[in-house]
Amino acid sequence: MSDAAEAHLLIVDDDERIRGLLQKFLIRNGFWVTSARDAEHARRILSGLEFDMIVLDVMMPGEDGVALTKSLRETLATPILLLTAKGDTEDRIKGLEAGADDYLAKPFEPKELLLRINAILRRMPDATNRADGPKFVNLGPLRYDVERSELLNGETVIRLTSTESALMRIFAANLGEALSRSRLVEDLGRDKGQAQERAVDVQITRLRRKIEEDPKQPRFLQTVRGEGYLLSSD
């Protein structure tokens, strides 16, 4: 889904002022918006509603944003955008490792938040975002359905985040071809730079845990020294 008019966002932030400002700004830009004051409140809302994206502050009392992300990833594939303090690089990496799709450092311009949200929504699988190439990619006992953007072990679906799905579609469309980190950053619709390239490395590590029998010695999602990453199939 990439149409803001149809997208429902959950904003989770313990600061009432920021929560209110974000909600008003995003509603003005065509989104449906629900807000939560902390992790517990967010869980109650999520138990009864489905969302197209969760915008989540890292620094919250009680359960923080990284811990909540990791917990939600056990049952949800909903895209998660983390809001982090500007200097907390380690928090950003922890957030990505926990399953977040992207992060935005505070303070930020509201327009930048809008761009990040729309970029993530565009990566969600839909009829206009299917890669040209094979319909299925066989990865040992696993099979990736390109059109449905599903990773399957027999009939069991292995949950992928929107970023992991986007990476799989990119690799499936370029099977057997080494793709540089800068190319992957560009194809994911992210800003260029070393920070985003490092973020891609983290997402690749997470993806390997899902498709490789031994993630430390990858058989399918390989590193090509000096060139980038390559997906090969059986």
C-alpha atoms as a PDB file:
ATOM      1  CA  MET A   1       0.000   0.000   0.000  1.00  0.00           C
ATOM      2  CA  SER A   2       1.451   3.353  -1.001  1.00  0.00           C
ATOM      3  CA  ASP A   3      -1.584   5.659  -0.965  1.00  0.00           C
ATOM      4  CA  ALA A   4      -1.471   7.850   2.141  1.00  0.00           C
ATOM      5  CA  ALA A   5      -5.238   8.307   1.991  1.00  0.00           C
ATOM      6  CA  GLU A   6      -5.664   4.613   2.776  1.00  0.00           C
ATOM      7  CA  ALA A   7      -2.771   4.109   5.210  1.00  0.00           C
ATOM      8  CA  HIS A   8      -3.425   3.821   8.960  1.00  0.00           C
ATOM      9  CA  LEU A   9      -0.456   4.694  11.194  1.00  0.00           C
ATOM     10  CA  LEU A  10       0.119   4.009  14.887  1.00  0.00           C
ATOM     11  CA  ILE A  11       2.251   6.679  16.608  1.00  0.00           C
ATOM     12  CA  VAL A  12       3.839   5.573  19.909  1.00  0.00           C
ATOM     13  CA  ASP A  13       5.530   8.324  21.978  1.00  0.00           C
ATOM     14  CA  ASP A  14       5.390   9.130  25.688  1.00  0.00           C
ATOM     15  CA  ASP A  15       5.654  12.890  25.012  1.00  0.00           C
ATOM     16  CA  GLU A  16       2.067  14.129  24.693  1.00  0.00           C
ATOM     17  CA  ARG A  17       3.089  17.307  22.852  1.00  0.00           C
ATOM     18  CA  ILE A  18       5.143  15.467  20.210  1.00  0.00           C
ATOM     19  CA  ARG A  19       2.433  12.823  19.880  1.00  0.00           C
ATOM     20  CA  GLY A  20      -0.179  15.482  19.219  1.00  0.00           C
ATOM     21  CA  LEU A  21       1.966  17.401  16.732  1.00  0.00           C
ATOM     22  CA  LEU A  22       2.809  14.261  14.759  1.00  0.00           C
ATOM     23  CA  GLN A  23      -0.813  13.174  14.718  1.00  0.00           C
ATOM     24  CA  LYS A  24      -2.048  16.551  13.411  1.00  0.00           C
ATOM     25  CA  PHE A  25       0.708  16.771  10.792  1.00  0.00           C
ATOM     26  CA  LEU A  26       0.129  13.259   9.445  1.00  0.00           C
ATOM     27  CA  ILE A  27      -3.657  13.644   9.389  1.00  0.00           C
ATOM     28  CA  ARG A  28      -3.204  16.842   7.352  1.00  0.00           C
ATOM     29  CA  ASN A  29      -1.157  14.797   4.896  1.00  0.00           C
ATOM     30  CA  GLY A  30      -3.894  12.239   4.328  1.00  0.00           C
ATOM     31  CA  PHE A  31      -3.160   9.464   6.822  1.00  0.00           C
ATOM     32  CA  TRP A  32      -5.434   7.811   9.340  1.00  0.00           C
ATOM     33  CA  VAL A  33      -3.590   8.122  12.658  1.00  0.00           C
ATOM     34  CA  THR A  34      -3.988   6.457  16.055  1.00  0.00           C
ATOM     35  CA  SER A  35      -1.634   7.301  18.931  1.00  0.00           C
ATOM     36  CA  ALA A  36      -0.382   5.447  22.013  1.00  0.00           C
ATOM     37  CA  ARG A  37       1.417   6.882  25.058  1.00  0.00           C
ATOM     38  CA  ASP A  38       3.642   3.866  25.833  1.00  0.00           C
ATOM     39  CA  ALA A  39       4.340   0.227  24.946  1.00  0.00           C
ATOM     40  CA  GLU A  40       1.524  -1.155  27.095  1.00  0.00           C
ATOM     41  CA  HIS A  41      -0.998   1.212  25.522  1.00  0.00           C
ATOM     42  CA  ALA A  42       0.293   0.280  22.046  1.00  0.00           C
ATOM     43  CA  ARG A  43      -0.157  -3.434  22.759  1.00  0.00           C
ATOM     44  CA  ARG A  44      -3.775  -2.897  23.780  1.00  0.00           C
ATOM     45  CA  ILE A  45      -4.470  -0.990  20.568  1.00  0.00           C
ATOM     46  CA  LEU A  46      -2.658  -3.567  18.417  1.00  0.00           C
ATOM     47  CA  SER A  47      -4.705  -6.382  19.943  1.00  0.00           C
ATOM     48  CA  GLY A  48      -7.785  -4.982  18.221  1.00  0.00           C
ATOM     49  CA  LEU A  49      -6.560  -3.063  15.162  1.00  0.00           C
ATOM     50  CA  GLU A  50      -4.257  -3.650  12.199  1.00  0.00           C
ATOM     51  CA  PHE A  51      -1.993  -0.873  10.946  1.00  0.00           C
ATOM     52  CA  ASP A  52      -0.004  -0.159   7.802  1.00  0.00           C
ATOM     53  CA  MET A  53       2.931   1.194   9.820  1.00  0.00           C
ATOM     54  CA  ILE A  54       4.075   1.859  13.374  1.00  0.00           C
ATOM     55  CA  VAL A  55       6.106   5.012  14.153  1.00  0.00           C
ATOM     56  CA  LEU A  56       7.806   4.292  17.441  1.00  0.00           C
ATOM     57  CA  ASP A  57       9.945   6.405  19.781  1.00  0.00           C
ATOM     58  CA  VAL A  58      12.964   4.529  21.176  1.00  0.00           C
ATOM     59  CA  MET A  59      13.264   6.404  24.479  1.00  0.00           C
ATOM     60  CA  MET A  60      10.164   5.601  26.535  1.00  0.00           C
ATOM     61  CA  PRO A  61       9.758   4.773  30.222  1.00  0.00           C
ATOM     62  CA  GLY A  62       9.205   1.110  30.975  1.00  0.00           C
ATOM     63  CA  GLU A  63       9.524  -1.003  27.842  1.00  0.00           C
ATOM     64  CA  ASP A  64      11.521   1.035  25.320  1.00  0.00           C
ATOM     65  CA  GLY A  65      11.031   1.150  21.554  1.00  0.00           C
ATOM     66  CA  VAL A  66      13.747  -1.385  20.725  1.00  0.00           C
ATOM     67  CA  ALA A  67      12.374  -3.966  23.179  1.00  0.00           C
ATOM     68  CA  LEU A  68       8.836  -3.399  21.884  1.00  0.00           C
ATOM     69  CA  THR A  69      10.023  -3.796  18.283  1.00  0.00           C
ATOM     70  CA  LYS A  70      11.703  -7.105  19.076  1.00  0.00           C
ATOM     71  CA  SER A  71       8.598  -8.357  20.850  1.00  0.00           C
ATOM     72  CA  LEU A  72       6.197  -7.261  18.099  1.00  0.00           C
ATOM     73  CA  ARG A  73       8.333  -8.943  15.446  1.00  0.00           C
ATOM     74  CA  GLU A  74       7.436 -12.328  16.962  1.00  0.00           C
ATOM     75  CA  THR A  75       3.886 -11.928  15.627  1.00  0.00           C
ATOM     76  CA  LEU A  76       3.756  -8.842  13.353  1.00  0.00           C
ATOM     77  CA  ALA A  77       5.311  -8.006   9.980  1.00  0.00           C
ATOM     78  CA  THR A  78       3.920  -4.435  10.069  1.00  0.00           C
ATOM     79  CA  PRO A  79       6.617  -1.902   9.045  1.00  0.00           C
ATOM     80  CA  ILE A  80       8.215  -0.104  12.001  1.00  0.00           C
ATOM     81  CA  LEU A  81       9.969   3.272  11.805  1.00  0.00           C
ATOM     82  CA  LEU A  82      11.988   4.142  14.915  1.00  0.00           C
ATOM     83  CA  LEU A  83      12.533   7.684  16.162  1.00  0.00           C
ATOM     84  CA  THR A  84      15.962   7.850  17.813  1.00  0.00           C
ATOM     85  CA  ALA A  85      18.129  10.434  19.560  1.00  0.00           C
ATOM     86  CA  LYS A  86      20.562  12.010  17.102  1.00  0.00           C
ATOM     87  CA  GLY A  87      23.792  10.604  18.557  1.00  0.00           C
ATOM     88  CA  ASP A  88      22.593   7.139  19.521  1.00  0.00           C
ATOM     89  CA  THR A  89      24.058   5.140  16.621  1.00  0.00           C
ATOM     90  CA  GLU A  90      24.100   2.002  18.749  1.00  0.00           C
ATOM     91  CA  ASP A  91      20.371   2.334  19.443  1.00  0.00           C
ATOM     92  CA  ARG A  92      19.692   2.565  15.712  1.00  0.00           C
ATOM     93  CA  ILE A  93      21.651  -0.608  15.002  1.00  0.00           C
ATOM     94  CA  LYS A  94      19.939  -2.401  17.897  1.00  0.00           C
ATOM     95  CA  GLY A  95      16.602  -1.262  16.510  1.00  0.00           C
ATOM     96  CA  LEU A  96      17.360  -2.612  13.046  1.00  0.00           C
ATOM     97  CA  GLU A  97      18.592  -5.874  14.530  1.00  0.00           C
ATOM     98  CA  ALA A  98      15.348  -6.095  16.509  1.00  0.00           C
ATOM     99  CA  GLY A  99      13.381  -5.854  13.263  1.00  0.00           C
ATOM    100  CA  ALA A 100      12.757  -2.165  12.558  1.00  0.00           C
ATOM    101  CA  ASP A 101      12.557  -1.198   8.887  1.00  0.00           C
ATOM    102  CA  ASP A 102      14.177   2.213   9.208  1.00  0.00           C
ATOM    103  CA  TYR A 103      15.021   4.947  11.705  1.00  0.00           C
ATOM    104  CA  LEU A 104      14.887   8.717  11.820  1.00  0.00           C
ATOM    105  CA  ALA A 105      17.118  10.743  14.141  1.00  0.00           C
ATOM    106  CA  LYS A 106      15.656  13.511  16.295  1.00  0.00           C
ATOM    107  CA  PRO A 107      15.308  16.394  15.816  1.00  0.00           C
ATOM    108  CA  PHE A 108      13.860  15.997  12.327  1.00  0.00           C
ATOM    109  CA  GLU A 109      11.829  18.043   9.887  1.00  0.00           C
ATOM    110  CA  PRO A 110       8.224  16.831   9.593  1.00  0.00           C
ATOM    111  CA  LYS A 111       8.645  16.658   5.796  1.00  0.00           C
ATOM    112  CA  GLU A 112      11.529  14.209   6.272  1.00  0.00           C
ATOM    113  CA  LEU A 113       9.302  11.979   8.388  1.00  0.00           C
ATOM    114  CA  LEU A 114       6.698  12.114   5.610  1.00  0.00           C
ATOM    115  CA  LEU A 115       9.292  11.098   3.013  1.00  0.00           C
ATOM    116  CA  ARG A 116      10.475   8.156   5.142  1.00  0.00           C
ATOM    117  CA  ILE A 117       6.924   6.941   5.771  1.00  0.00           C
ATOM    118  CA  ASN A 118       6.002   7.112   2.087  1.00  0.00           C
ATOM    119  CA  ALA A 119       9.254   5.366   1.091  1.00  0.00           C
ATOM    120  CA  ILE A 120       8.503   2.469   3.447  1.00  0.00           C
ATOM    121  CA  LEU A 121       4.879   2.205   2.289  1.00  0.00           C
ATOM    122  CA  ARG A 122       6.051   2.077  -1.340  1.00  0.00           C
ATOM    123  CA  ARG A 123       8.212  -0.932  -0.466  1.00  0.00           C
ATOM    124  CA  MET A 124       5.201  -2.909   0.703  1.00  0.00           C
ATOM    125  CA  PRO A 125       4.270  -5.657  -1.772  1.00  0.00           C
ATOM    126  CA  ASP A 126       1.526  -4.761  -4.221  1.00  0.00           C
ATOM    127  CA  ALA A 127       0.614  -5.340  -7.840  1.00  0.00           C
ATOM    128  CA  THR A 128       2.729  -2.422  -9.081  1.00  0.00           C
ATOM    129  CA  ASN A 129       5.810  -3.384  -7.074  1.00  0.00           C
ATOM    130  CA  ARG A 130       6.452  -6.900  -8.331  1.00  0.00           C
ATOM    131  CA  ALA A 131       9.882  -7.553  -9.705  1.00  0.00           C
ATOM    132  CA  ASP A 132      10.421  -8.793 -13.251  1.00  0.00           C
ATOM    133  CA  GLY A 133      12.064 -12.182 -13.072  1.00  0.00           C
ATOM    134  CA  PRO A 134      11.320 -15.636 -11.698  1.00  0.00           C
ATOM    135  CA  LYS A 135       7.993 -16.361  -9.980  1.00  0.00           C
ATOM    136  CA  PHE A 136       9.679 -18.567  -7.358  1.00  0.00           C
ATOM    137  CA  VAL A 137      13.208 -18.777  -5.954  1.00  0.00           C
ATOM    138  CA  ASN A 138      14.169 -22.116  -4.369  1.00  0.00           C
ATOM    139  CA  LEU A 139      16.493 -21.845  -1.366  1.00  0.00           C
ATOM    140  CA  GLY A 140      17.119 -25.384  -0.150  1.00  0.00           C
ATOM    141  CA  PRO A 141      14.025 -26.409   1.854  1.00  0.00           C
ATOM    142  CA  LEU A 142      12.620 -22.876   1.482  1.00  0.00           C
ATOM    143  CA  ARG A 143      10.833 -21.251  -1.440  1.00  0.00           C
ATOM    144  CA  TYR A 144      10.337 -17.536  -2.051  1.00  0.00           C
ATOM    145  CA  ASP A 145       7.115 -16.608  -3.874  1.00  0.00           C
ATOM    146  CA  VAL A 146       8.024 -13.378  -5.688  1.00  0.00           C
ATOM    147  CA  GLU A 147       4.488 -12.289  -6.614  1.00  0.00           C
ATOM    148  CA  ARG A 148       3.086 -12.875  -3.129  1.00  0.00           C
ATOM    149  CA  SER A 149       6.320 -11.720  -1.474  1.00  0.00           C
ATOM    150  CA  GLU A 150       6.221 -14.757   0.830  1.00  0.00           C
ATOM    151  CA  LEU A 151       9.003 -16.966   2.142  1.00  0.00           C
ATOM    152  CA  LEU A 152       7.695 -20.500   2.583  1.00  0.00           C
ATOM    153  CA  ASN A 153       8.926 -23.604   4.369  1.00  0.00           C
ATOM    154  CA  GLY A 154       6.507 -26.138   2.932  1.00  0.00           C
ATOM    155  CA  GLU A 155       3.119 -24.560   3.622  1.00  0.00           C
ATOM    156  CA  THR A 156       4.407 -22.495   6.564  1.00  0.00           C
ATOM    157  CA  VAL A 157       4.960 -18.787   5.888  1.00  0.00           C
ATOM    158  CA  ILE A 158       8.146 -17.339   7.403  1.00  0.00           C
ATOM    159  CA  ARG A 159       7.355 -13.766   8.391  1.00  0.00           C
ATOM    160  CA  LEU A 160       9.395 -11.061   6.635  1.00  0.00           C
ATOM    161  CA  THR A 161       9.472  -7.363   7.454  1.00  0.00           C
ATOM    162  CA  SER A 162       8.698  -4.956   4.603  1.00  0.00           C
ATOM    163  CA  THR A 163      12.414  -4.201   4.203  1.00  0.00           C
ATOM    164  CA  GLU A 164      13.301  -7.901   4.105  1.00  0.00           C
ATOM    165  CA  SER A 165      10.546  -8.440   1.515  1.00  0.00           C
ATOM    166  CA  ALA A 166      11.870  -5.530  -0.533  1.00  0.00           C
ATOM    167  CA  LEU A 167      15.410  -6.940  -0.409  1.00  0.00           C
ATOM    168  CA  MET A 168      14.163 -10.368  -1.505  1.00  0.00           C
ATOM    169  CA  ARG A 169      12.305  -8.843  -4.468  1.00  0.00           C
ATOM    170  CA  ILE A 170      15.409  -6.876  -5.469  1.00  0.00           C
ATOM    171  CA  PHE A 171      17.627  -9.958  -5.251  1.00  0.00           C
ATOM    172  CA  ALA A 172      15.067 -12.158  -7.061  1.00  0.00           C
ATOM    173  CA  ALA A 173      14.976  -9.669  -9.947  1.00  0.00           C
ATOM    174  CA  ASN A 174      18.800  -9.783 -10.107  1.00  0.00           C
ATOM    175  CA  LEU A 175      19.389 -13.463  -9.301  1.00  0.00           C
ATOM    176  CA  GLY A 176      23.058 -14.430  -9.448  1.00  0.00           C
ATOM    177  CA  GLU A 177      24.177 -10.795  -9.774  1.00  0.00           C
ATOM    178  CA  ALA A 178      26.277  -9.067  -7.134  1.00  0.00           C
ATOM    179  CA  LEU A 179      24.568  -5.878  -5.926  1.00  0.00           C
ATOM    180  CA  SER A 180      26.553  -3.196  -4.123  1.00  0.00           C
ATOM    181  CA  ARG A 181      25.373  -1.776  -0.813  1.00  0.00           C
ATOM    182  CA  SER A 182      24.926   1.649  -2.447  1.00  0.00           C
ATOM    183  CA  ARG A 183      22.737   0.044  -5.155  1.00  0.00           C
ATOM    184  CA  LEU A 184      20.626  -1.682  -2.504  1.00  0.00           C
ATOM    185  CA  VAL A 185      20.241   1.587  -0.568  1.00  0.00           C
ATOM    186  CA  GLU A 186      19.104   3.309  -3.772  1.00  0.00           C
ATOM    187  CA  ASP A 187      16.674   0.512  -4.739  1.00  0.00           C
ATOM    188  CA  LEU A 188      15.195   0.602  -1.225  1.00  0.00           C
ATOM    189  CA  GLY A 189      14.473   4.310  -1.718  1.00  0.00           C
ATOM    190  CA  ARG A 190      16.714   5.469   1.106  1.00  0.00           C
ATOM    191  CA  ASP A 191      19.081   8.409   1.442  1.00  0.00           C
ATOM    192  CA  LYS A 192      22.619   7.669   0.320  1.00  0.00           C
ATOM    193  CA  GLY A 193      25.415   7.452   2.868  1.00  0.00           C
ATOM    194  CA  GLN A 194      27.478   5.124   5.021  1.00  0.00           C
ATOM    195  CA  ALA A 195      24.877   5.017   7.800  1.00  0.00           C
ATOM    196  CA  GLN A 196      22.237   3.591   5.456  1.00  0.00           C
ATOM    197  CA  GLU A 197      24.761   1.157   3.936  1.00  0.00           C
ATOM    198  CA  ARG A 198      25.515  -0.095   7.431  1.00  0.00           C
ATOM    199  CA  ALA A 199      21.775  -0.396   8.030  1.00  0.00           C
ATOM    200  CA  VAL A 200      21.527  -2.591   4.912  1.00  0.00           C
ATOM    201  CA  ASP A 201      24.265  -4.821   6.358  1.00  0.00           C
ATOM    202  CA  VAL A 202      22.141  -5.306   9.475  1.00  0.00           C
ATOM    203  CA  GLN A 203      19.059  -6.171   7.388  1.00  0.00           C
ATOM    204  CA  ILE A 204      21.105  -8.681   5.353  1.00  0.00           C
ATOM    205  CA  THR A 205      22.244 -10.335   8.599  1.00  0.00           C
ATOM    206  CA  ARG A 206      18.608 -10.618   9.747  1.00  0.00           C
ATOM    207  CA  LEU A 207      17.543 -12.027   6.383  1.00  0.00           C
ATOM    208  CA  ARG A 208      20.280 -14.643   6.467  1.00  0.00           C
ATOM    209  CA  ARG A 209      18.972 -15.902   9.803  1.00  0.00           C
ATOM    210  CA  LYS A 210      15.684 -16.677   8.046  1.00  0.00           C
ATOM    211  CA  ILE A 211      16.950 -18.277   4.824  1.00  0.00           C
ATOM    212  CA  GLU A 212      20.285 -19.877   5.724  1.00  0.00           C
ATOM    213  CA  GLU A 213      20.895 -23.108   7.607  1.00  0.00           C
ATOM    214  CA  ASP A 214      24.167 -21.569   8.845  1.00  0.00           C
ATOM    215  CA  PRO A 215      23.958 -17.748   8.619  1.00  0.00           C
ATOM    216  CA  LYS A 216      27.691 -17.433   9.310  1.00  0.00           C
ATOM    217  CA  GLN A 217      28.464 -19.534   6.222  1.00  0.00           C
ATOM    218  CA  PRO A 218      25.722 -18.424   3.832  1.00  0.00           C
ATOM    219  CA  ARG A 219      24.922 -20.680   0.909  1.00  0.00           C
ATOM    220  CA  PHE A 220      22.326 -18.534  -0.834  1.00  0.00           C
ATOM    221  CA  LEU A 221      22.748 -14.882   0.246  1.00  0.00           C
ATOM    222  CA  GLN A 222      26.474 -14.536  -0.313  1.00  0.00           C
ATOM    223  CA  THR A 223      28.946 -11.719   0.207  1.00  0.00           C
ATOM    224  CA  VAL A 224      31.058 -10.975  -2.869  1.00  0.00           C
ATOM    225  CA  ARG A 225      34.201  -9.230  -1.700  1.00  0.00           C
ATOM    226  CA  GLY A 226      34.546  -5.756  -3.183  1.00  0.00           C
ATOM    227  CA  GLU A 227      31.210  -6.007  -5.002  1.00  0.00           C
ATOM    228  CA  GLY A 228      28.381  -6.489  -2.500  1.00  0.00           C
ATOM    229  CA  TYR A 229      25.744  -9.177  -1.976  1.00  0.00           C
ATOM    230  CA  LEU A 230      24.457 -11.882  -4.297  1.00  0.00           C
ATOM    231  CA  LEU A 231      21.450 -14.212  -4.076  1.00  0.00           C
ATOM    232  CA  SER A 232      21.764 -17.625  -5.694  1.00  0.00           C
ATOM    233  CA  SER A 233      19.146 -20.358  -5.808  1.00  0.00           C
ATOM    234  CA  ASP A 234      19.222 -24.135  -6.088  1.00  0.00           C
END
